[in-house]
Amino acid sequence: ENRPSEKAQLDQVLEFLRDGLLPDELQIDKVDSDGLWLKDHNGVRLSWFEMSDGYRAALALLGDILRHLIRIYGIDNLIQAVDGKLCVQRSGVVLVDEIDAHLHPEWQRKIGFWLKERFPKIQFLVTTHSPIICQAADTNGLFFLPAPGAGEVARPATKDELQKIVSSRADTILLSPAFGLQNSRSPRAVEARANKAKLEAKGRIVPLTEAEQTELDLSSQWVNPDESA
């Protein structure tokens, strides 16, 4: 506060962070000696300590990237308007572990694309357990990492695997080699579907007992009729 050079840096950084980063109509209000402040769509001001872990993690990440860029390149012409959006036209490599940590799924959908769009000359190397984050990967930019002790080596996704991940729903991606889940439903739903199928098959041969019909009705409660498979 009251230091011209730092104020000039802060003004640029705040303008950049206000440009389409935060969801839910939230805006960065100001930064002062008490911390960073947000405003929601009703004008209610929120302090840094009142924010969710997701907001704090994302803002801390962006602030840290900008801090290093300013230290290396300086603030002059660091942030420029390109096609109506503010971008950082400086190069670098940024490593981020578990970029999806604490982020709401809606924010996971956009954070990778926002970073690539606003830092076009920076290479981001990130790890994630989110199928939604994976959809922002560039061609030849997605790698499958084996579990520790699996005796396998990391490998790049094939062109077809990447295409399927980019074009599919999250539950489909979870069943792909990228994540290797056998089922994306809850264990209760898996058991209920199997039990329902068994009882229905029996009912086509012989009438079910009253107890079996009750069991079938209970199992059917955990089966979503809108999902065919």
Foldseek 3Di string as FASTA:
>chain_A
DPDVQVVVQQVVLQVQCQFPQDPQQKHWDDQDPQGTWIAHPVRDIDHLVRDFPLVNVVVVVSVVVSVVCCVVPNDPVQWDADPNHIAGADEEEEEEEANCPRPDPVSLQCVLVVCCVRYVRYHYHYDHPFLNNLLSADVQGAKACDDPPPPDHIDTDDPVLNVCSNPDDRQVNCCDPSNPDPHPDDPLLVVLVVLLVVLVVVCVPPNDDPVSVVSNVVSVVSYDPVDPD
